[in-house]
Amino acid sequence: MQKWWCKALVSSVLLVPLTILAAESEVENLPPIPEPTRFVTEHSGRFNDVRVDYQTVAGETYLQNLEGEPKAALFTFAYVKTNLAADEVRPVTFVWNGGPGSSSTWLHMGGYGPKRIVVPSDAQHAGPPPYPVLDAPETILDVTDLVFIDPVGTGFSRALGDYEGKDFWGLNEDADSMALFIRTWITEHGRWNSPKFLLGESFGTTRAAAVARKMEEDLAISLNGIVFISQALDYQGSTPYVRDNIVSYITYVPTMAATALYHGRVQPPPESQETFIQQSREFAVNEYLPALFKGNTVSQEEYLSVRDRLAYFTGLSTEYIDRAKLRVQGTRFAKELLRDQGVAVGRLDSRYTEDEIDDLSAETARDAASDSISSAYRSALMSYMRSDLGVDWDRMYLDPADPDLSKNWRWRTVPDDTSWEPAYVNTAHDLATALRINPSLKVFVASGYFDLVTPFFDAEFTLNRHDIRADRIEYAYYQGGHMMYVNEPSRVALLEDTRRFIQSQIPIR
């Protein structure tokens, strides 16, 4: 049993003095910017059977412009070891979720934080409160400090002064602010020479690739490693709702196969999940892709062969696949697979099911996985912040994000006065550049078999090309979905794999 002790120091602790010229703000008719608000507590626990005394700082870090004026307050949860050995080299891992527009709640309370929310591991609804929030001795605080980051417009993070949220809401703008935060944080805490890791989920992997390039290329800050949870770098492979996008039909087949197998829709049953999934990969590339590429020139014999094989792997009827003209979209699959039972499977985690109102619609109206666990995660974080971290603040914690974020998000990657043809979002080239600049940098990719949002085969498709060398990427697969850590055995395995990866990327001097 873990032994915890906690002592709240101050409600608003000013760790780093910051002089703000009130007169300048008054000239601009803006209220003076206060000092950063920070809540500091002391804790001790055993992680991977190693005692760690650590300080938690839940609070703001101000990002400054070139004139030294604050432009944004990023709220983070930083867990920093205090009982360091004399010669200990302590890594730091910067953690964020995705969205865009997601706070760090999911990875914080479900995956990597020192406390965790407990929800059913077998894809059942979490039910009403109260929800169990337990110690998480399996997490990786024994090998790295952790800094969970809420981007501007999420959590307690806000724009400051005459800056607005939309100044930070964009692919480039977001990556700039995250890279600036990391530089600011390692400067304030004297951690320039610490081993550094990035860990992101979903869009957080999109962000991590872009941030890695900015750090390596623009800031000359070398990284030791990057952890991708549910990879999403090249969006072509994860946009099944675009009917003409042949790539997404291919990348979704193995996830649909895993889902059909899970729900007992594969006949005859295969000898093993692993063998079946590998067969689905080979079918997708060697049979399905050529048939789709040929379009209406495909022979009748080939068409029927591919149709029947697709029906086998997906659990769908040949009649449905005929009506779809072989083009089975992942978004529609989620509604169609168990239509005869009157339920839809989840997209974030296709193990979950939900009885939707409209049984005739082509696609799901809601997400069964999100509806099952979102309330539990948010409740757990809000309770944990107050009871364990001493966060008692009247500011609203934005989770979901600022309602203006999504409609103002900027995917455009060039200036407004520059010609630009819209394309799929793709930061894989940023990752390729970072890997070329830093030959020691490696990437660990964690994927859930039941993720219909960022399918695991898309991770392979993306990272096996775009000029990325195979020996720089490591893959692992789990019996869960987008948030594979919802499944308890997968959570423990993910933490063990992450710990090993971090340890392997710290050089012995």
Protein backbone atom coordinates (compact mmCIF):
# COMPACT_ATOMS: atom_id res chain seq x y z
CA MET A 1 0.00 0.00 0.00
CA GLN A 2 1.34 3.40 -0.91
CA LYS A 3 1.85 5.86 1.90
CA TRP A 4 0.99 9.42 1.00
CA TRP A 5 1.44 12.61 2.91
CA CYS A 6 0.64 16.08 1.79
CA LYS A 7 1.21 19.57 3.16
CA ALA A 8 -0.27 22.58 1.39
CA LEU A 9 2.23 25.41 1.40
CA VAL A 10 0.50 28.44 -0.06
CA SER A 11 -2.59 28.91 -2.20
CA SER A 12 -0.84 31.24 -4.60
CA VAL A 13 2.90 30.67 -4.45
CA LEU A 14 5.11 32.99 -6.45
CA LEU A 15 8.07 30.83 -7.40
CA VAL A 16 9.48 33.17 -10.01
CA PRO A 17 9.21 36.95 -9.53
CA LEU A 18 7.73 38.71 -12.53
CA THR A 19 7.59 42.51 -12.77
CA ILE A 20 4.56 43.81 -14.61
CA LEU A 21 4.33 47.48 -15.45
CA ALA A 22 0.83 48.44 -14.39
CA ALA A 23 1.16 51.88 -15.93
CA GLU A 24 1.71 50.37 -19.38
CA SER A 25 -1.43 48.27 -19.00
CA GLU A 26 -3.41 51.31 -17.92
CA VAL A 27 -2.30 53.20 -21.01
CA GLU A 28 -3.72 50.37 -23.10
CA ASN A 29 -6.91 50.38 -20.98
CA LEU A 30 -6.12 46.88 -19.77
CA PRO A 31 -6.10 45.77 -16.13
CA PRO A 32 -2.69 45.01 -14.64
CA ILE A 33 -1.56 41.42 -15.10
CA PRO A 34 -1.19 39.70 -11.72
CA GLU A 35 1.66 37.42 -10.75
CA PRO A 36 1.28 33.74 -11.75
CA THR A 37 -0.99 31.72 -9.48
CA ARG A 38 0.59 28.52 -8.22
CA PHE A 39 -0.45 25.87 -5.71
CA VAL A 40 2.41 23.84 -4.21
CA THR A 41 2.14 20.61 -2.22
CA GLU A 42 4.61 18.00 -1.02
CA HIS A 43 4.05 14.26 -1.43
CA SER A 44 5.73 10.88 -1.13
CA GLY A 45 4.91 7.57 -2.76
CA ARG A 46 6.33 4.32 -4.07
CA PHE A 47 6.41 3.94 -7.86
CA ASN A 48 7.65 0.72 -9.41
CA ASP A 49 8.66 -0.12 -5.81
CA VAL A 50 10.93 2.95 -5.63
CA ARG A 51 10.29 5.62 -3.00
CA VAL A 52 9.89 9.05 -4.54
CA ASP A 53 9.46 12.25 -2.54
CA TYR A 54 8.15 14.89 -4.89
CA GLN A 55 6.79 18.40 -5.10
CA THR A 56 3.67 19.13 -7.10
CA VAL A 57 3.25 22.58 -8.59
CA ALA A 58 -0.20 23.11 -10.05
CA GLY A 59 -0.01 26.56 -11.51
CA GLU A 60 0.64 29.09 -14.21
CA THR A 61 3.77 29.69 -16.23
CA TYR A 62 3.77 32.96 -18.18
CA LEU A 63 4.91 32.96 -21.78
CA GLN A 64 6.51 36.24 -22.80
CA ASN A 65 6.92 38.03 -26.11
CA LEU A 66 10.27 39.41 -27.29
CA GLU A 67 9.71 42.57 -25.25
CA GLY A 68 9.35 40.52 -22.07
CA GLU A 69 5.61 41.11 -21.80
CA PRO A 70 3.36 38.23 -20.72
CA LYS A 71 1.16 36.96 -23.52
CA ALA A 72 -0.26 33.72 -22.12
CA ALA A 73 -0.57 31.81 -18.86
CA LEU A 74 -0.17 28.07 -19.31
CA PHE A 75 -1.46 26.05 -16.38
CA THR A 76 0.42 22.83 -15.72
CA PHE A 77 0.65 20.05 -13.18
CA ALA A 78 4.36 19.47 -12.54
CA TYR A 79 5.55 16.51 -10.46
CA VAL A 80 9.23 16.97 -9.55
CA LYS A 81 11.28 14.56 -7.46
CA THR A 82 12.91 16.12 -4.37
CA ASN A 83 14.83 13.21 -2.77
CA LEU A 84 17.49 13.18 -5.47
CA ALA A 85 20.70 11.20 -5.09
CA ALA A 86 23.89 13.23 -5.27
CA ASP A 87 24.76 12.14 -8.80
CA GLU A 88 21.22 11.52 -10.10
CA VAL A 89 20.41 12.73 -13.60
CA ARG A 90 16.67 13.27 -13.58
CA PRO A 91 14.74 13.32 -16.88
CA VAL A 92 11.63 15.45 -17.42
CA THR A 93 8.70 14.46 -19.63
CA PHE A 94 6.27 17.04 -21.02
CA VAL A 95 2.80 15.56 -21.42
CA TRP A 96 -0.26 16.81 -23.29
CA ASN A 97 -3.48 15.45 -24.74
CA GLY A 98 -4.99 16.33 -28.09
CA GLY A 99 -8.15 17.76 -29.55
CA PRO A 100 -7.15 20.33 -30.54
CA GLY A 101 -8.86 21.72 -27.49
CA SER A 102 -8.31 18.98 -24.93
CA SER A 103 -6.89 19.59 -21.49
CA SER A 104 -4.41 17.07 -20.07
CA THR A 105 -7.14 15.36 -18.00
CA TRP A 106 -7.04 12.03 -19.82
CA LEU A 107 -3.33 11.25 -19.60
CA HIS A 108 -3.13 12.89 -16.17
CA MET A 109 -5.92 10.94 -14.48
CA GLY A 110 -6.01 7.83 -16.65
CA GLY A 111 -2.48 7.08 -17.71
CA TYR A 112 0.54 8.74 -16.15
CA GLY A 113 -0.38 10.74 -13.06
CA PRO A 114 0.31 9.53 -9.48
CA LYS A 115 -3.46 9.11 -8.95
CA ARG A 116 -5.89 7.46 -11.34
CA ILE A 117 -9.58 7.25 -11.95
CA VAL A 118 -10.90 3.69 -11.94
CA VAL A 119 -13.52 2.86 -14.57
CA PRO A 120 -14.67 -0.59 -15.73
CA SER A 121 -11.94 -2.29 -17.72
CA ASP A 122 -14.39 -4.29 -19.83
CA ALA A 123 -15.91 -1.36 -21.73
CA GLN A 124 -18.96 -0.92 -19.49
CA HIS A 125 -20.42 2.47 -18.58
CA ALA A 126 -18.71 4.05 -15.56
CA GLY A 127 -22.08 4.82 -14.00
CA PRO A 128 -22.88 7.71 -11.62
CA PRO A 129 -20.55 9.19 -8.97
CA PRO A 130 -18.77 8.72 -6.70
CA TYR A 131 -15.87 7.37 -8.75
CA PRO A 132 -12.85 5.65 -7.18
CA VAL A 133 -9.63 7.67 -7.38
CA LEU A 134 -6.72 5.48 -6.31
CA ASP A 135 -2.94 5.63 -5.99
CA ALA A 136 -1.12 4.70 -9.20
CA PRO A 137 2.12 3.02 -8.05
CA GLU A 138 2.74 1.69 -11.58
CA THR A 139 3.30 5.13 -13.09
CA ILE A 140 6.69 6.36 -14.25
CA LEU A 141 7.61 8.90 -11.55
CA ASP A 142 10.44 6.58 -10.54
CA VAL A 143 12.27 7.37 -13.80
CA THR A 144 11.13 10.87 -14.82
CA ASP A 145 9.58 14.10 -13.61
CA LEU A 146 6.23 14.81 -15.29
CA VAL A 147 4.76 18.10 -16.49
CA PHE A 148 1.14 17.89 -17.70
CA ILE A 149 0.31 20.88 -19.91
CA ASP A 150 -3.06 22.48 -20.64
CA PRO A 151 -2.85 24.58 -23.85
CA VAL A 152 -4.37 28.05 -24.04
CA GLY A 153 -8.15 27.83 -23.97
CA THR A 154 -8.18 24.58 -21.99
CA GLY A 155 -8.09 23.99 -18.26
CA PHE A 156 -7.02 27.15 -16.44
CA SER A 157 -4.77 28.33 -19.32
CA ARG A 158 -5.62 31.72 -20.80
CA ALA A 159 -4.27 34.45 -23.10
CA LEU A 160 -3.01 37.56 -21.29
CA GLY A 161 -2.93 41.31 -21.90
CA ASP A 162 -3.93 42.36 -25.38
CA TYR A 163 -3.45 38.82 -26.71
CA GLU A 164 -6.45 36.65 -27.54
CA GLY A 165 -7.00 32.94 -27.47
CA LYS A 166 -7.04 32.77 -31.25
CA ASP A 167 -3.44 34.02 -31.28
CA PHE A 168 -2.55 30.52 -30.00
CA TRP A 169 -5.21 28.45 -31.78
CA GLY A 170 -3.60 27.01 -34.88
CA LEU A 171 -1.25 24.27 -35.96
CA ASN A 172 1.81 26.53 -36.06
CA GLU A 173 0.68 28.86 -33.28
CA ASP A 174 0.03 25.95 -30.92
CA ALA A 175 3.43 24.36 -31.60
CA ASP A 176 5.15 27.72 -31.08
CA SER A 177 3.51 28.19 -27.68
CA MET A 178 4.36 24.64 -26.54
CA ALA A 179 8.01 24.97 -27.57
CA LEU A 180 8.20 28.36 -25.86
CA PHE A 181 6.68 26.89 -22.72
CA ILE A 182 9.26 24.11 -22.59
CA ARG A 183 12.11 26.59 -23.03
CA THR A 184 10.61 28.81 -20.33
CA TRP A 185 10.07 25.92 -17.91
CA ILE A 186 13.55 24.42 -18.23
CA THR A 187 15.02 27.90 -17.80
CA GLU A 188 13.00 28.68 -14.65
CA HIS A 189 13.79 25.28 -13.13
CA GLY A 190 17.43 24.96 -14.25
CA ARG A 191 16.73 21.87 -16.36
CA TRP A 192 18.52 22.66 -19.63
CA ASN A 193 20.84 19.68 -19.18
CA SER A 194 18.15 17.20 -18.12
CA PRO A 195 17.11 14.42 -20.51
CA LYS A 196 13.87 15.57 -22.16
CA PHE A 197 10.91 13.66 -23.53
CA LEU A 198 7.64 14.61 -25.21
CA LEU A 199 4.52 12.50 -24.67
CA GLY A 200 1.32 13.27 -26.54
CA GLU A 201 -1.99 11.64 -27.35
CA SER A 202 -3.99 11.93 -30.60
CA PHE A 203 -3.65 15.53 -31.85
CA GLY A 204 -1.03 15.70 -29.11
CA THR A 205 1.12 13.53 -31.39
CA THR A 206 0.50 15.95 -34.27
CA ARG A 207 1.70 18.67 -31.90
CA ALA A 208 4.67 16.64 -30.62
CA ALA A 209 6.10 16.16 -34.11
CA ALA A 210 5.82 19.89 -34.86
CA VAL A 211 7.25 20.85 -31.45
CA ALA A 212 10.13 18.40 -31.86
CA ARG A 213 11.20 20.09 -35.08
CA LYS A 214 10.96 23.57 -33.54
CA MET A 215 13.02 22.50 -30.56
CA GLU A 216 15.68 20.71 -32.57
CA GLU A 217 15.85 23.15 -35.49
CA ASP A 218 14.94 26.58 -34.08
CA LEU A 219 15.77 26.41 -30.36
CA ALA A 220 18.72 23.98 -30.40
CA ILE A 221 17.14 21.96 -27.60
CA SER A 222 17.78 18.25 -28.10
CA LEU A 223 15.21 15.66 -27.13
CA ASN A 224 15.93 12.15 -25.89
CA GLY A 225 12.68 10.61 -27.06
CA ILE A 226 9.04 11.05 -28.07
CA VAL A 227 6.09 8.91 -27.02
CA PHE A 228 3.06 8.83 -29.32
CA ILE A 229 -0.20 7.61 -27.79
CA SER A 230 -2.68 6.96 -30.64
CA GLN A 231 -0.62 8.47 -33.45
CA ALA A 232 -2.14 11.15 -35.71
CA LEU A 233 0.53 12.76 -37.89
CA ASP A 234 -0.79 12.41 -41.43
CA TYR A 235 -4.56 12.88 -41.35
CA GLN A 236 -5.20 11.26 -44.70
CA GLY A 237 -5.13 7.87 -43.01
CA SER A 238 -7.65 8.87 -40.33
CA THR A 239 -10.34 10.68 -42.34
CA PRO A 240 -12.78 7.93 -43.34
CA TYR A 241 -15.61 10.41 -43.80
CA VAL A 242 -13.98 11.65 -47.05
CA ARG A 243 -15.52 9.23 -49.54
CA ASP A 244 -12.83 9.57 -52.21
CA ASN A 245 -9.97 9.01 -49.78
CA ILE A 246 -8.72 5.55 -50.79
CA VAL A 247 -5.98 5.56 -48.14
CA SER A 248 -8.44 5.59 -45.23
CA TYR A 249 -10.25 2.51 -46.55
CA ILE A 250 -6.97 0.64 -46.29
CA THR A 251 -5.80 1.95 -42.92
CA TYR A 252 -9.10 1.15 -41.21
CA VAL A 253 -9.38 -2.51 -42.25
CA PRO A 254 -7.27 -4.03 -39.41
CA THR A 255 -9.13 -2.02 -36.75
CA MET A 256 -12.48 -3.04 -38.22
CA ALA A 257 -11.25 -6.63 -38.24
CA ALA A 258 -10.21 -6.46 -34.57
CA THR A 259 -13.60 -4.94 -33.71
CA ALA A 260 -15.59 -7.53 -35.63
CA LEU A 261 -13.62 -10.29 -33.93
CA TYR A 262 -14.18 -8.75 -30.48
CA HIS A 263 -17.95 -8.65 -31.02
CA GLY A 264 -18.14 -12.22 -32.37
CA ARG A 265 -18.89 -11.27 -35.98
CA VAL A 266 -16.09 -13.21 -37.68
CA GLN A 267 -17.02 -16.62 -39.07
CA PRO A 268 -15.31 -18.98 -38.99
CA PRO A 269 -13.37 -17.77 -35.92
CA PRO A 270 -9.62 -17.43 -36.56
CA GLU A 271 -6.96 -19.31 -34.66
CA SER A 272 -5.78 -16.16 -32.89
CA GLN A 273 -6.29 -12.41 -32.83
CA GLU A 274 -2.69 -11.76 -33.78
CA THR A 275 -2.84 -14.03 -36.83
CA PHE A 276 -6.21 -12.62 -37.90
CA ILE A 277 -5.03 -9.00 -37.66
CA GLN A 278 -1.89 -9.77 -39.65
CA GLN A 279 -4.01 -11.44 -42.33
CA SER A 280 -6.21 -8.33 -42.44
CA ARG A 281 -3.13 -6.15 -42.98
CA GLU A 282 -2.00 -8.31 -45.87
CA PHE A 283 -5.48 -8.37 -47.41
CA ALA A 284 -5.79 -4.58 -47.17
CA VAL A 285 -2.50 -3.93 -48.97
CA ASN A 286 -2.30 -6.82 -51.41
CA GLU A 287 -5.95 -7.30 -52.44
CA TYR A 288 -8.18 -4.45 -51.28
CA LEU A 289 -5.96 -1.54 -52.34
CA PRO A 290 -5.43 -2.76 -55.93
CA ALA A 291 -9.17 -3.32 -56.35
CA LEU A 292 -10.06 0.17 -55.12
CA PHE A 293 -7.37 1.70 -57.31
CA LYS A 294 -8.81 -0.01 -60.38
CA GLY A 295 -12.28 1.38 -59.70
CA ASN A 296 -14.84 0.40 -62.31
CA THR A 297 -12.20 -1.41 -64.39
CA VAL A 298 -11.81 -4.18 -61.80
CA SER A 299 -12.85 -7.57 -63.14
CA GLN A 300 -15.97 -9.24 -61.80
CA GLU A 301 -13.92 -12.15 -60.50
CA GLU A 302 -11.58 -9.88 -58.56
CA TYR A 303 -14.46 -7.77 -57.29
CA LEU A 304 -16.32 -10.75 -55.86
CA SER A 305 -13.17 -12.16 -54.27
CA VAL A 306 -12.34 -8.85 -52.58
CA ARG A 307 -15.96 -8.31 -51.53
CA ASP A 308 -16.19 -11.70 -49.84
CA ARG A 309 -12.85 -11.28 -48.10
CA LEU A 310 -13.81 -7.81 -46.91
CA ALA A 311 -17.06 -9.21 -45.52
CA TYR A 312 -15.08 -11.86 -43.66
CA PHE A 313 -12.66 -9.41 -42.05
CA THR A 314 -15.25 -6.75 -41.18
CA GLY A 315 -18.18 -8.92 -40.17
CA LEU A 316 -20.43 -6.97 -42.54
CA SER A 317 -22.79 -8.53 -45.04
CA THR A 318 -21.85 -8.89 -48.70
CA GLU A 319 -25.08 -7.01 -49.50
CA TYR A 320 -23.91 -3.99 -47.52
CA ILE A 321 -20.48 -4.07 -49.14
CA ASP A 322 -22.11 -4.28 -52.57
CA ARG A 323 -24.18 -1.18 -51.80
CA ALA A 324 -21.02 0.56 -50.58
CA LYS A 325 -19.20 -0.42 -53.80
CA LEU A 326 -16.40 -1.92 -51.68
CA ARG A 327 -15.85 1.42 -49.94
CA VAL A 328 -16.54 0.72 -46.27
CA GLN A 329 -16.04 3.90 -44.29
CA GLY A 330 -14.89 3.61 -40.68
CA THR A 331 -17.51 6.08 -39.47
CA ARG A 332 -20.29 4.02 -41.05
CA PHE A 333 -18.82 0.73 -39.89
CA ALA A 334 -19.32 1.87 -36.28
CA LYS A 335 -23.07 2.11 -36.93
CA GLU A 336 -23.46 -0.89 -39.22
CA LEU A 337 -21.59 -3.70 -37.44
CA LEU A 338 -24.22 -4.32 -34.72
CA ARG A 339 -27.18 -2.62 -36.39
CA ASP A 340 -29.21 -5.82 -36.11
CA GLN A 341 -28.85 -5.56 -32.33
CA GLY A 342 -29.92 -1.92 -32.32
CA VAL A 343 -26.60 -0.64 -30.99
CA ALA A 344 -23.56 1.22 -32.37
CA VAL A 345 -19.95 0.61 -31.39
CA GLY A 346 -17.74 3.40 -30.09
CA ARG A 347 -15.27 5.24 -32.27
CA LEU A 348 -12.75 6.10 -29.56
CA ASP A 349 -12.97 2.52 -28.36
CA SER A 350 -15.00 0.07 -30.41
CA ARG A 351 -15.37 -2.33 -27.48
CA TYR A 352 -18.07 0.01 -26.14
CA THR A 353 -21.65 -0.03 -27.43
CA GLU A 354 -24.54 2.40 -27.14
CA ASP A 355 -28.24 2.23 -27.96
CA GLU A 356 -28.73 5.30 -30.13
CA ILE A 357 -32.07 6.96 -30.85
CA ASP A 358 -31.95 6.67 -34.65
CA ASP A 359 -31.36 3.10 -35.76
CA LEU A 360 -31.67 4.05 -39.43
CA SER A 361 -28.88 6.62 -39.70
CA ALA A 362 -25.76 5.77 -41.70
CA GLU A 363 -23.36 7.00 -39.01
CA THR A 364 -23.30 7.26 -35.24
CA ALA A 365 -24.73 10.37 -33.61
CA ARG A 366 -22.61 10.07 -30.47
CA ASP A 367 -19.57 8.15 -29.26
CA ALA A 368 -20.27 5.25 -26.95
CA ALA A 369 -16.82 5.32 -25.35
CA SER A 370 -16.84 9.04 -24.63
CA ASP A 371 -20.34 8.90 -23.18
CA SER A 372 -19.28 6.04 -20.91
CA ILE A 373 -16.24 7.57 -19.22
CA SER A 374 -15.97 11.34 -19.79
CA SER A 375 -17.92 12.35 -16.71
CA ALA A 376 -15.86 10.07 -14.50
CA TYR A 377 -12.57 11.52 -15.73
CA ARG A 378 -13.65 15.12 -15.27
CA SER A 379 -15.12 14.48 -11.85
CA ALA A 380 -11.97 12.71 -10.74
CA LEU A 381 -9.69 15.56 -11.81
CA MET A 382 -11.79 18.27 -10.18
CA SER A 383 -11.93 16.30 -6.93
CA TYR A 384 -8.21 15.47 -6.99
CA MET A 385 -7.18 19.07 -7.64
CA ARG A 386 -8.97 20.28 -4.52
CA SER A 387 -8.39 17.37 -2.14
CA ASP A 388 -4.75 16.49 -2.95
CA LEU A 389 -3.24 19.47 -4.74
CA GLY A 390 -4.88 22.28 -2.76
CA VAL A 391 -6.21 24.00 -5.89
CA ASP A 392 -8.94 26.32 -4.63
CA TRP A 393 -9.54 28.83 -7.39
CA ASP A 394 -12.65 30.56 -8.67
CA ARG A 395 -11.46 30.39 -12.31
CA MET A 396 -13.44 27.96 -14.49
CA TYR A 397 -11.50 24.88 -15.55
CA LEU A 398 -12.24 24.57 -19.27
CA ASP A 399 -12.80 20.92 -20.06
CA PRO A 400 -14.27 20.90 -22.70
CA ALA A 401 -12.29 23.82 -24.12
CA ASP A 402 -13.21 27.44 -24.70
CA PRO A 403 -16.24 27.26 -27.04
CA ASP A 404 -14.53 29.66 -29.45
CA LEU A 405 -11.46 27.46 -29.90
CA SER A 406 -12.74 25.01 -32.48
CA LYS A 407 -14.33 27.58 -34.78
CA ASN A 408 -11.22 29.77 -34.65
CA TRP A 409 -8.64 26.99 -35.00
CA ARG A 410 -6.23 27.69 -37.84
CA TRP A 411 -4.96 24.76 -39.85
CA ARG A 412 -3.37 27.03 -42.46
CA THR A 413 0.42 26.74 -42.29
CA VAL A 414 1.43 29.75 -44.41
CA PRO A 415 0.76 33.51 -44.04
CA ASP A 416 -2.58 34.86 -45.23
CA ASP A 417 -0.98 36.77 -48.11
CA THR A 418 0.62 33.56 -49.44
CA SER A 419 -1.09 31.21 -51.86
CA TRP A 420 -2.07 27.94 -50.23
CA GLU A 421 -4.01 24.91 -51.38
CA PRO A 422 -5.70 23.09 -48.48
CA ALA A 423 -4.33 19.62 -47.83
CA TYR A 424 -4.51 16.92 -45.20
CA VAL A 425 -2.81 17.95 -41.97
CA ASN A 426 0.61 16.31 -41.89
CA THR A 427 3.43 16.84 -39.40
CA ALA A 428 5.25 13.62 -40.31
CA HIS A 429 7.75 15.70 -42.27
CA ASP A 430 8.47 17.72 -39.13
CA LEU A 431 9.24 14.50 -37.31
CA ALA A 432 11.47 13.32 -40.16
CA THR A 433 13.45 16.57 -39.95
CA ALA A 434 13.83 16.33 -36.17
CA LEU A 435 15.07 12.74 -36.50
CA ARG A 436 17.67 13.80 -39.09
CA ILE A 437 18.91 16.70 -36.94
CA ASN A 438 19.16 14.49 -33.84
CA PRO A 439 20.43 10.99 -34.77
CA SER A 440 19.88 9.72 -31.21
CA LEU A 441 16.20 10.65 -31.11
CA LYS A 442 13.74 7.75 -31.21
CA VAL A 443 9.97 7.40 -31.08
CA PHE A 444 7.79 4.95 -29.17
CA VAL A 445 4.32 4.46 -30.71
CA ALA A 446 1.49 3.03 -28.57
CA SER A 447 -1.72 2.01 -30.33
CA GLY A 448 -4.99 0.41 -29.29
CA TYR A 449 -6.46 -2.34 -31.46
CA PHE A 450 -9.98 -0.89 -31.06
CA ASP A 451 -9.32 2.73 -32.00
CA LEU A 452 -11.62 3.86 -34.85
CA VAL A 453 -10.36 7.46 -34.64
CA THR A 454 -6.62 6.97 -35.14
CA PRO A 455 -6.30 3.36 -36.38
CA PHE A 456 -3.12 1.49 -35.55
CA PHE A 457 -2.47 0.53 -39.17
CA ASP A 458 -2.40 4.23 -40.02
CA ALA A 459 0.46 4.65 -37.55
CA GLU A 460 2.39 2.00 -39.45
CA PHE A 461 1.45 3.47 -42.83
CA THR A 462 2.49 6.99 -41.78
CA LEU A 463 5.69 6.26 -39.89
CA ASN A 464 6.99 3.67 -42.34
CA ARG A 465 7.29 6.34 -45.01
CA HIS A 466 7.73 10.16 -45.10
CA ASP A 467 11.51 9.59 -45.09
CA ILE A 468 11.45 8.13 -41.57
CA ARG A 469 13.88 5.28 -40.93
CA ALA A 470 12.37 2.11 -39.51
CA ASP A 471 15.07 1.71 -36.84
CA ARG A 472 14.02 5.00 -35.21
CA ILE A 473 10.44 3.86 -34.51
CA GLU A 474 9.19 1.28 -31.99
CA TYR A 475 5.59 0.01 -31.99
CA ALA A 476 3.44 -1.54 -29.25
CA TYR A 477 -0.21 -2.64 -29.34
CA TYR A 478 -2.80 -2.87 -26.59
CA GLN A 479 -6.24 -4.40 -25.96
CA GLY A 480 -7.98 -1.05 -25.78
CA GLY A 481 -8.94 1.89 -27.94
CA HIS A 482 -7.86 5.51 -28.34
CA MET A 483 -7.29 5.73 -24.58
CA MET A 484 -5.97 2.20 -24.23
CA TYR A 485 -5.19 2.85 -20.56
CA VAL A 486 -8.93 2.55 -19.81
CA ASN A 487 -8.31 -1.19 -20.03
CA GLU A 488 -6.42 -2.04 -16.84
CA PRO A 489 -3.97 -4.65 -18.21
CA SER A 490 -3.21 -2.26 -21.09
CA ARG A 491 -2.60 0.62 -18.67
CA VAL A 492 -0.02 -1.39 -16.73
CA ALA A 493 1.65 -2.62 -19.92
CA LEU A 494 1.73 0.90 -21.39
CA LEU A 495 3.46 2.26 -18.29
CA GLU A 496 5.99 -0.58 -18.29
CA ASP A 497 6.73 -0.01 -21.97
CA THR A 498 7.07 3.76 -21.52
CA ARG A 499 9.40 3.30 -18.54
CA ARG A 500 11.63 0.94 -20.51
CA PHE A 501 11.70 3.31 -23.50
CA ILE A 502 12.68 6.30 -21.36
CA GLN A 503 15.43 4.35 -19.64
CA SER A 504 16.76 3.11 -22.99
CA GLN A 505 17.05 6.69 -24.30
CA ILE A 506 19.18 8.06 -21.48
CA PRO A 507 22.89 7.74 -22.39
CA ILE A 508 25.35 6.37 -19.87
CA ARG A 509 28.19 8.85 -19.46
